[in-house]
Amino acid sequence: IDEGKEHLYYIGKVEGLNKPSVLFLNDCKF
């Protein structure tokens, strides 16, 4: 959505997963 949350990135339903998903960009870590 246009006013979506900056820390959430939609990746859809990737092959091998059961549902559409989003990334938590603000939680990346080594």
PDB file of all heavy atoms in Angstrom:
ATOM      1  N   ILE A   1       0.851  -1.200   0.000  1.00  0.00           N
ATOM      2  CA  ILE A   1       0.000   0.000   0.000  1.00  0.00           C
ATOM      3  C   ILE A   1       0.889   1.253   0.000  1.00  0.00           C
ATOM      4  O   ILE A   1       2.029   1.214   0.463  1.00  0.00           O
ATOM      5  CB  ILE A   1      -0.973   0.029   1.205  1.00  0.00           C
ATOM      6  CG1 ILE A   1      -0.229   0.003   2.538  1.00  0.00           C
ATOM      7  CG2 ILE A   1      -1.967  -1.118   1.125  1.00  0.00           C
ATOM      8  CD1 ILE A   1      -1.111   0.207   3.757  1.00  0.00           C
ATOM      9  N   ASP A   2       0.329   2.341  -0.514  1.00  0.00           N
ATOM     10  CA  ASP A   2       1.097   3.583  -0.630  1.00  0.00           C
ATOM     11  C   ASP A   2       1.647   4.077   0.705  1.00  0.00           C
ATOM     12  O   ASP A   2       2.760   4.574   0.773  1.00  0.00           O
ATOM     13  CB  ASP A   2       0.242   4.684  -1.271  1.00  0.00           C
ATOM     14  CG  ASP A   2       0.009   4.430  -2.747  1.00  0.00           C
ATOM     15  OD1 ASP A   2       0.827   3.718  -3.365  1.00  0.00           O
ATOM     16  OD2 ASP A   2      -0.996   4.931  -3.283  1.00  0.00           O
ATOM     17  N   GLU A   3       0.868   3.989   1.738  1.00  0.00           N
ATOM     18  CA  GLU A   3       1.305   4.459   3.062  1.00  0.00           C
ATOM     19  C   GLU A   3       1.731   3.284   3.936  1.00  0.00           C
ATOM     20  O   GLU A   3       1.529   3.293   5.142  1.00  0.00           O
ATOM     21  CB  GLU A   3       0.174   5.240   3.738  1.00  0.00           C
ATOM     22  CG  GLU A   3      -0.254   6.494   2.993  1.00  0.00           C
ATOM     23  CD  GLU A   3       0.871   7.510   2.877  1.00  0.00           C
ATOM     24  OE1 GLU A   3       1.598   7.720   3.864  1.00  0.00           O
ATOM     25  OE2 GLU A   3       1.026   8.080   1.777  1.00  0.00           O
ATOM     26  N   GLY A   4       2.358   2.285   3.312  1.00  0.00           N
ATOM     27  CA  GLY A   4       2.774   1.087   4.041  1.00  0.00           C
ATOM     28  C   GLY A   4       3.896   1.367   5.020  1.00  0.00           C
ATOM     29  O   GLY A   4       4.570   2.400   4.949  1.00  0.00           O
ATOM     30  N   LYS A   5       4.091   0.436   5.918  1.00  0.00           N
ATOM     31  CA  LYS A   5       5.142   0.567   6.935  1.00  0.00           C
ATOM     32  C   LYS A   5       6.499   0.294   6.298  1.00  0.00           C
ATOM     33  O   LYS A   5       6.709  -0.721   5.648  1.00  0.00           O
ATOM     34  CB  LYS A   5       4.869  -0.392   8.085  1.00  0.00           C
ATOM     35  CG  LYS A   5       3.611  -0.018   8.848  1.00  0.00           C
ATOM     36  CD  LYS A   5       3.447  -0.844  10.087  1.00  0.00           C
ATOM     37  CE  LYS A   5       2.227  -0.352  10.854  1.00  0.00           C
ATOM     38  NZ  LYS A   5       2.064  -1.072  12.113  1.00  0.00           N
ATOM     39  N   GLU A   6       7.428   1.224   6.514  1.00  0.00           N
ATOM     40  CA  GLU A   6       8.746   1.171   5.892  1.00  0.00           C
ATOM     41  C   GLU A   6       9.553  -0.072   6.276  1.00  0.00           C
ATOM     42  O   GLU A   6      10.409  -0.510   5.517  1.00  0.00           O
ATOM     43  CB  GLU A   6       9.554   2.426   6.241  1.00  0.00           C
ATOM     44  CG  GLU A   6       9.049   3.677   5.557  1.00  0.00           C
ATOM     45  CD  GLU A   6       9.241   3.632   4.048  1.00  0.00           C
ATOM     46  OE1 GLU A   6      10.361   3.344   3.587  1.00  0.00           O
ATOM     47  OE2 GLU A   6       8.248   3.862   3.340  1.00  0.00           O
ATOM     48  N   HIS A   7       9.282  -0.618   7.453  1.00  0.00           N
ATOM     49  CA  HIS A   7      10.078  -1.763   7.906  1.00  0.00           C
ATOM     50  C   HIS A   7       9.552  -3.100   7.401  1.00  0.00           C
ATOM     51  O   HIS A   7      10.173  -4.138   7.637  1.00  0.00           O
ATOM     52  CB  HIS A   7      10.184  -1.768   9.435  1.00  0.00           C
ATOM     53  CG  HIS A   7       8.916  -2.139  10.136  1.00  0.00           C
ATOM     54  ND1 HIS A   7       7.838  -1.284  10.223  1.00  0.00           N
ATOM     55  CD2 HIS A   7       8.561  -3.277  10.766  1.00  0.00           C
ATOM     56  CE1 HIS A   7       6.871  -1.875  10.893  1.00  0.00           C
ATOM     57  NE2 HIS A   7       7.280  -3.085  11.235  1.00  0.00           N
ATOM     58  N   LEU A   8       8.425  -3.102   6.689  1.00  0.00           N
ATOM     59  CA  LEU A   8       7.844  -4.339   6.176  1.00  0.00           C
ATOM     60  C   LEU A   8       7.975  -4.385   4.656  1.00  0.00           C
ATOM     61  O   LEU A   8       7.561  -3.463   3.965  1.00  0.00           O
ATOM     62  CB  LEU A   8       6.358  -4.436   6.559  1.00  0.00           C
ATOM     63  CG  LEU A   8       6.049  -4.470   8.054  1.00  0.00           C
ATOM     64  CD1 LEU A   8       4.549  -4.420   8.281  1.00  0.00           C
ATOM     65  CD2 LEU A   8       6.658  -5.709   8.707  1.00  0.00           C
ATOM     66  N   TYR A   9       8.528  -5.479   4.147  1.00  0.00           N
ATOM     67  CA  TYR A   9       8.701  -5.641   2.702  1.00  0.00           C
ATOM     68  C   TYR A   9       8.034  -6.947   2.288  1.00  0.00           C
ATOM     69  O   TYR A   9       8.427  -8.038   2.726  1.00  0.00           O
ATOM     70  CB  TYR A   9      10.182  -5.648   2.324  1.00  0.00           C
ATOM     71  CG  TYR A   9      10.396  -5.663   0.833  1.00  0.00           C
ATOM     72  CD1 TYR A   9      10.605  -4.490   0.130  1.00  0.00           C
ATOM     73  CD2 TYR A   9      10.361  -6.864   0.116  1.00  0.00           C
ATOM     74  CE1 TYR A   9      10.780  -4.498  -1.241  1.00  0.00           C
ATOM     75  CE2 TYR A   9      10.535  -6.879  -1.255  1.00  0.00           C
ATOM     76  CZ  TYR A   9      10.738  -5.694  -1.926  1.00  0.00           C
ATOM     77  OH  TYR A   9      10.900  -5.709  -3.294  1.00  0.00           O
ATOM     78  N   TYR A  10       7.040  -6.849   1.400  1.00  0.00           N
ATOM     79  CA  TYR A  10       6.273  -8.001   0.937  1.00  0.00           C
ATOM     80  C   TYR A  10       7.064  -8.798  -0.097  1.00  0.00           C
ATOM     81  O   TYR A  10       7.545  -8.240  -1.086  1.00  0.00           O
ATOM     82  CB  TYR A  10       4.961  -7.512   0.327  1.00  0.00           C
ATOM     83  CG  TYR A  10       4.077  -8.600  -0.224  1.00  0.00           C
ATOM     84  CD1 TYR A  10       3.393  -9.460   0.625  1.00  0.00           C
ATOM     85  CD2 TYR A  10       3.900  -8.746  -1.597  1.00  0.00           C
ATOM     86  CE1 TYR A  10       2.565 -10.450   0.125  1.00  0.00           C
ATOM     87  CE2 TYR A  10       3.074  -9.738  -2.111  1.00  0.00           C
ATOM     88  CZ  TYR A  10       2.408 -10.585  -1.245  1.00  0.00           C
ATOM     89  OH  TYR A  10       1.588 -11.566  -1.748  1.00  0.00           O
ATOM     90  N   ILE A  11       7.210 -10.112   0.134  1.00  0.00           N
ATOM     91  CA  ILE A  11       7.901 -10.971  -0.829  1.00  0.00           C
ATOM     92  C   ILE A  11       6.960 -11.971  -1.503  1.00  0.00           C
ATOM     93  O   ILE A  11       7.392 -12.742  -2.360  1.00  0.00           O
ATOM     94  CB  ILE A  11       9.087 -11.720  -0.191  1.00  0.00           C
ATOM     95  CG1 ILE A  11       8.629 -12.643   0.942  1.00  0.00           C
ATOM     96  CG2 ILE A  11      10.144 -10.728   0.287  1.00  0.00           C
ATOM     97  CD1 ILE A  11       9.705 -13.602   1.437  1.00  0.00           C
ATOM     98  N   GLY A  12       5.696 -11.965  -1.110  1.00  0.00           N
ATOM     99  CA  GLY A  12       4.733 -12.886  -1.718  1.00  0.00           C
ATOM    100  C   GLY A  12       4.872 -14.298  -1.179  1.00  0.00           C
ATOM    101  O   GLY A  12       5.468 -14.533  -0.133  1.00  0.00           O
ATOM    102  N   LYS A  13       4.306 -15.236  -1.941  1.00  0.00           N
ATOM    103  CA  LYS A  13       4.372 -16.654  -1.562  1.00  0.00           C
ATOM    104  C   LYS A  13       5.507 -17.301  -2.352  1.00  0.00           C
ATOM    105  O   LYS A  13       5.362 -17.635  -3.520  1.00  0.00           O
ATOM    106  CB  LYS A  13       3.058 -17.374  -1.840  1.00  0.00           C
ATOM    107  CG  LYS A  13       3.049 -18.813  -1.353  1.00  0.00           C
ATOM    108  CD  LYS A  13       1.703 -19.464  -1.611  1.00  0.00           C
ATOM    109  CE  LYS A  13       1.711 -20.908  -1.180  1.00  0.00           C
ATOM    110  NZ  LYS A  13       2.548 -21.758  -2.017  1.00  0.00           N
ATOM    111  N   VAL A  14       6.633 -17.447  -1.705  1.00  0.00           N
ATOM    112  CA  VAL A  14       7.823 -18.019  -2.321  1.00  0.00           C
ATOM    113  C   VAL A  14       7.673 -19.541  -2.356  1.00  0.00           C
ATOM    114  O   VAL A  14       7.185 -20.146  -1.390  1.00  0.00           O
ATOM    115  CB  VAL A  14       9.087 -17.614  -1.536  1.00  0.00           C
ATOM    116  CG1 VAL A  14      10.328 -18.291  -2.081  1.00  0.00           C
ATOM    117  CG2 VAL A  14       9.247 -16.098  -1.527  1.00  0.00           C
ATOM    118  N   GLU A  15       8.102 -20.139  -3.452  1.00  0.00           N
ATOM    119  CA  GLU A  15       8.051 -21.598  -3.566  1.00  0.00           C
ATOM    120  C   GLU A  15       8.778 -22.234  -2.381  1.00  0.00           C
ATOM    121  O   GLU A  15       9.891 -21.840  -2.036  1.00  0.00           O
ATOM    122  CB  GLU A  15       8.700 -22.048  -4.874  1.00  0.00           C
ATOM    123  CG  GLU A  15       8.541 -23.535  -5.129  1.00  0.00           C
ATOM    124  CD  GLU A  15       9.109 -23.968  -6.460  1.00  0.00           C
ATOM    125  OE1 GLU A  15       9.256 -23.133  -7.368  1.00  0.00           O
ATOM    126  OE2 GLU A  15       9.406 -25.173  -6.580  1.00  0.00           O
ATOM    127  N   GLY A  16       8.119 -23.195  -1.737  1.00  0.00           N
ATOM    128  CA  GLY A  16       8.670 -23.857  -0.558  1.00  0.00           C
ATOM    129  C   GLY A  16       8.040 -23.376   0.730  1.00  0.00           C
ATOM    130  O   GLY A  16       8.201 -23.994   1.777  1.00  0.00           O
ATOM    131  N   LEU A  17       7.305 -22.247   0.663  1.00  0.00           N
ATOM    132  CA  LEU A  17       6.598 -21.725   1.826  1.00  0.00           C
ATOM    133  C   LEU A  17       5.094 -21.888   1.619  1.00  0.00           C
ATOM    134  O   LEU A  17       4.626 -22.005   0.486  1.00  0.00           O
ATOM    135  CB  LEU A  17       6.953 -20.255   2.059  1.00  0.00           C
ATOM    136  CG  LEU A  17       8.442 -19.954   2.259  1.00  0.00           C
ATOM    137  CD1 LEU A  17       8.642 -18.466   2.489  1.00  0.00           C
ATOM    138  CD2 LEU A  17       9.011 -20.748   3.412  1.00  0.00           C
ATOM    139  N   ASN A  18       4.347 -21.867   2.709  1.00  0.00           N
ATOM    140  CA  ASN A  18       2.909 -22.099   2.630  1.00  0.00           C
ATOM    141  C   ASN A  18       2.070 -20.848   2.447  1.00  0.00           C
ATOM    142  O   ASN A  18       0.925 -20.938   2.028  1.00  0.00           O
ATOM    143  CB  ASN A  18       2.421 -22.827   3.889  1.00  0.00           C
ATOM    144  CG  ASN A  18       3.006 -24.212   4.009  1.00  0.00           C
ATOM    145  OD1 ASN A  18       3.242 -24.885   3.010  1.00  0.00           O
ATOM    146  ND2 ASN A  18       3.258 -24.643   5.230  1.00  0.00           N
ATOM    147  N   LYS A  19       2.617 -19.679   2.796  1.00  0.00           N
ATOM    148  CA  LYS A  19       1.823 -18.446   2.790  1.00  0.00           C
ATOM    149  C   LYS A  19       2.638 -17.287   2.243  1.00  0.00           C
ATOM    150  O   LYS A  19       3.861 -17.297   2.314  1.00  0.00           O
ATOM    151  CB  LYS A  19       1.384 -18.089   4.214  1.00  0.00           C
ATOM    152  CG  LYS A  19       0.471 -19.073   4.887  1.00  0.00           C
ATOM    153  CD  LYS A  19       0.146 -18.576   6.285  1.00  0.00           C
ATOM    154  CE  LYS A  19      -0.843 -19.476   6.991  1.00  0.00           C
ATOM    155  NZ  LYS A  19      -1.170 -18.941   8.318  1.00  0.00           N
ATOM    156  N   PRO A  20       1.937 -16.235   1.783  1.00  0.00           N
ATOM    157  CA  PRO A  20       2.639 -14.989   1.443  1.00  0.00           C
ATOM    158  C   PRO A  20       3.287 -14.419   2.705  1.00  0.00           C
ATOM    159  O   PRO A  20       2.741 -14.548   3.804  1.00  0.00           O
ATOM    160  CB  PRO A  20       1.524 -14.070   0.936  1.00  0.00           C
ATOM    161  CG  PRO A  20       0.387 -14.968   0.600  1.00  0.00           C
ATOM    162  CD  PRO A  20       0.509 -16.158   1.507  1.00  0.00           C
ATOM    163  N   SER A  21       4.435 -13.792   2.537  1.00  0.00           N
ATOM    164  CA  SER A  21       5.196 -13.323   3.698  1.00  0.00           C
ATOM    165  C   SER A  21       5.756 -11.924   3.494  1.00  0.00           C
ATOM    166  O   SER A  21       5.827 -11.431   2.370  1.00  0.00           O
ATOM    167  CB  SER A  21       6.361 -14.281   3.969  1.00  0.00           C
ATOM    168  OG  SER A  21       5.903 -15.579   4.240  1.00  0.00           O
ATOM    169  N   VAL A  22       6.160 -11.314   4.602  1.00  0.00           N
ATOM    170  CA  VAL A  22       6.863 -10.035   4.587  1.00  0.00           C
ATOM    171  C   VAL A  22       8.139 -10.157   5.402  1.00  0.00           C
ATOM    172  O   VAL A  22       8.227 -10.959   6.330  1.00  0.00           O
ATOM    173  CB  VAL A  22       6.017  -8.861   5.154  1.00  0.00           C
ATOM    174  CG1 VAL A  22       4.804  -8.589   4.313  1.00  0.00           C
ATOM    175  CG2 VAL A  22       5.630  -9.100   6.587  1.00  0.00           C
ATOM    176  N   LEU A  23       9.115  -9.334   5.027  1.00  0.00           N
ATOM    177  CA  LEU A  23      10.372  -9.251   5.768  1.00  0.00           C
ATOM    178  C   LEU A  23      10.283  -8.134   6.799  1.00  0.00           C
ATOM    179  O   LEU A  23       9.685  -7.091   6.531  1.00  0.00           O
ATOM    180  CB  LEU A  23      11.523  -8.944   4.815  1.00  0.00           C
ATOM    181  CG  LEU A  23      11.775  -9.942   3.691  1.00  0.00           C
ATOM    182  CD1 LEU A  23      12.814  -9.379   2.722  1.00  0.00           C
ATOM    183  CD2 LEU A  23      12.228 -11.271   4.247  1.00  0.00           C
ATOM    184  N   PHE A  24      10.898  -8.328   7.946  1.00  0.00           N
ATOM    185  CA  PHE A  24      11.071  -7.276   8.947  1.00  0.00           C
ATOM    186  C   PHE A  24      12.438  -6.641   8.705  1.00  0.00           C
ATOM    187  O   PHE A  24      13.444  -7.071   9.283  1.00  0.00           O
ATOM    188  CB  PHE A  24      11.019  -7.836  10.366  1.00  0.00           C
ATOM    189  CG  PHE A  24       9.671  -8.285  10.828  1.00  0.00           C
ATOM    190  CD1 PHE A  24       9.405  -9.631  11.032  1.00  0.00           C
ATOM    191  CD2 PHE A  24       8.675  -7.364  11.086  1.00  0.00           C
ATOM    192  CE1 PHE A  24       8.174 -10.043  11.486  1.00  0.00           C
ATOM    193  CE2 PHE A  24       7.431  -7.763  11.540  1.00  0.00           C
ATOM    194  CZ  PHE A  24       7.182  -9.113  11.737  1.00  0.00           C
ATOM    195  N   LEU A  25      12.487  -5.629   7.853  1.00  0.00           N
ATOM    196  CA  LEU A  25      13.764  -5.025   7.473  1.00  0.00           C
ATOM    197  C   LEU A  25      14.520  -4.470   8.681  1.00  0.00           C
ATOM    198  O   LEU A  25      15.752  -4.455   8.697  1.00  0.00           O
ATOM    199  CB  LEU A  25      13.546  -3.925   6.434  1.00  0.00           C
ATOM    200  CG  LEU A  25      12.939  -4.379   5.103  1.00  0.00           C
ATOM    201  CD1 LEU A  25      12.637  -3.171   4.222  1.00  0.00           C
ATOM    202  CD2 LEU A  25      13.847  -5.366   4.393  1.00  0.00           C
ATOM    203  N   ASN A  26      13.799  -4.011   9.686  1.00  0.00           N
ATOM    204  CA  ASN A  26      14.432  -3.411  10.855  1.00  0.00           C
ATOM    205  C   ASN A  26      14.954  -4.436  11.860  1.00  0.00           C
ATOM    206  O   ASN A  26      15.506  -4.075  12.889  1.00  0.00           O
ATOM    207  CB  ASN A  26      13.461  -2.460  11.559  1.00  0.00           C
ATOM    208  CG  ASN A  26      12.229  -3.167  12.094  1.00  0.00           C
ATOM    209  OD1 ASN A  26      11.754  -4.141  11.505  1.00  0.00           O
ATOM    210  ND2 ASN A  26      11.696  -2.678  13.190  1.00  0.00           N
ATOM    211  N   ASP A  27      14.806  -5.714  11.553  1.00  0.00           N
ATOM    212  CA  ASP A  27      15.296  -6.760  12.454  1.00  0.00           C
ATOM    213  C   ASP A  27      16.450  -7.557  11.860  1.00  0.00           C
ATOM    214  O   ASP A  27      16.802  -8.620  12.379  1.00  0.00           O
ATOM    215  CB  ASP A  27      14.164  -7.723  12.824  1.00  0.00           C
ATOM    216  CG  ASP A  27      13.357  -7.263  14.022  1.00  0.00           C
ATOM    217  OD1 ASP A  27      13.935  -6.604  14.898  1.00  0.00           O
ATOM    218  OD2 ASP A  27      12.157  -7.573  14.080  1.00  0.00           O
ATOM    219  N   CYS A  28      17.050  -7.064  10.777  1.00  0.00           N
ATOM    220  CA  CYS A  28      18.159  -7.820  10.182  1.00  0.00           C
ATOM    221  C   CYS A  28      19.298  -7.927  11.187  1.00  0.00           C
ATOM    222  O   CYS A  28      19.507  -7.031  11.999  1.00  0.00           O
ATOM    223  CB  CYS A  28      18.626  -7.193   8.876  1.00  0.00           C
ATOM    224  SG  CYS A  28      19.385  -5.582   9.028  1.00  0.00           S
ATOM    225  N   LYS A  29      19.994  -9.042  11.135  1.00  0.00           N
ATOM    226  CA  LYS A  29      21.096  -9.245  12.067  1.00  0.00           C
ATOM    227  C   LYS A  29      22.021 -10.343  11.569  1.00  0.00           C
ATOM    228  O   LYS A  29      21.621 -11.207  10.789  1.00  0.00           O
ATOM    229  CB  LYS A  29      20.582  -9.577  13.456  1.00  0.00           C
ATOM    230  CG  LYS A  29      19.833 -10.904  13.553  1.00  0.00           C
ATOM    231  CD  LYS A  29      19.098 -11.057  14.850  1.00  0.00           C
ATOM    232  CE  LYS A  29      19.831 -11.888  15.850  1.00  0.00           C
ATOM    233  NZ  LYS A  29      19.133 -12.094  17.102  1.00  0.00           N
ATOM    234  N   PHE A  30      23.272 -10.294  12.035  1.00  0.00           N
ATOM    235  CA  PHE A  30      24.210 -11.359  11.745  1.00  0.00           C
ATOM    236  C   PHE A  30      24.008 -12.477  12.760  1.00  0.00           C
ATOM    237  O   PHE A  30      23.809 -12.215  13.950  1.00  0.00           O
ATOM    238  CB  PHE A  30      25.656 -10.855  11.835  1.00  0.00           C
ATOM    239  CG  PHE A  30      26.110 -10.167  10.587  1.00  0.00           C
ATOM    240  CD1 PHE A  30      26.138  -8.783  10.513  1.00  0.00           C
ATOM    241  CD2 PHE A  30      26.511 -10.896   9.479  1.00  0.00           C
ATOM    242  CE1 PHE A  30      26.559  -8.141   9.361  1.00  0.00           C
ATOM    243  CE2 PHE A  30      26.940 -10.270   8.321  1.00  0.00           C
ATOM    244  CZ  PHE A  30      26.960  -8.886   8.252  1.00  0.00           C
TER     245      PHE A  30
END
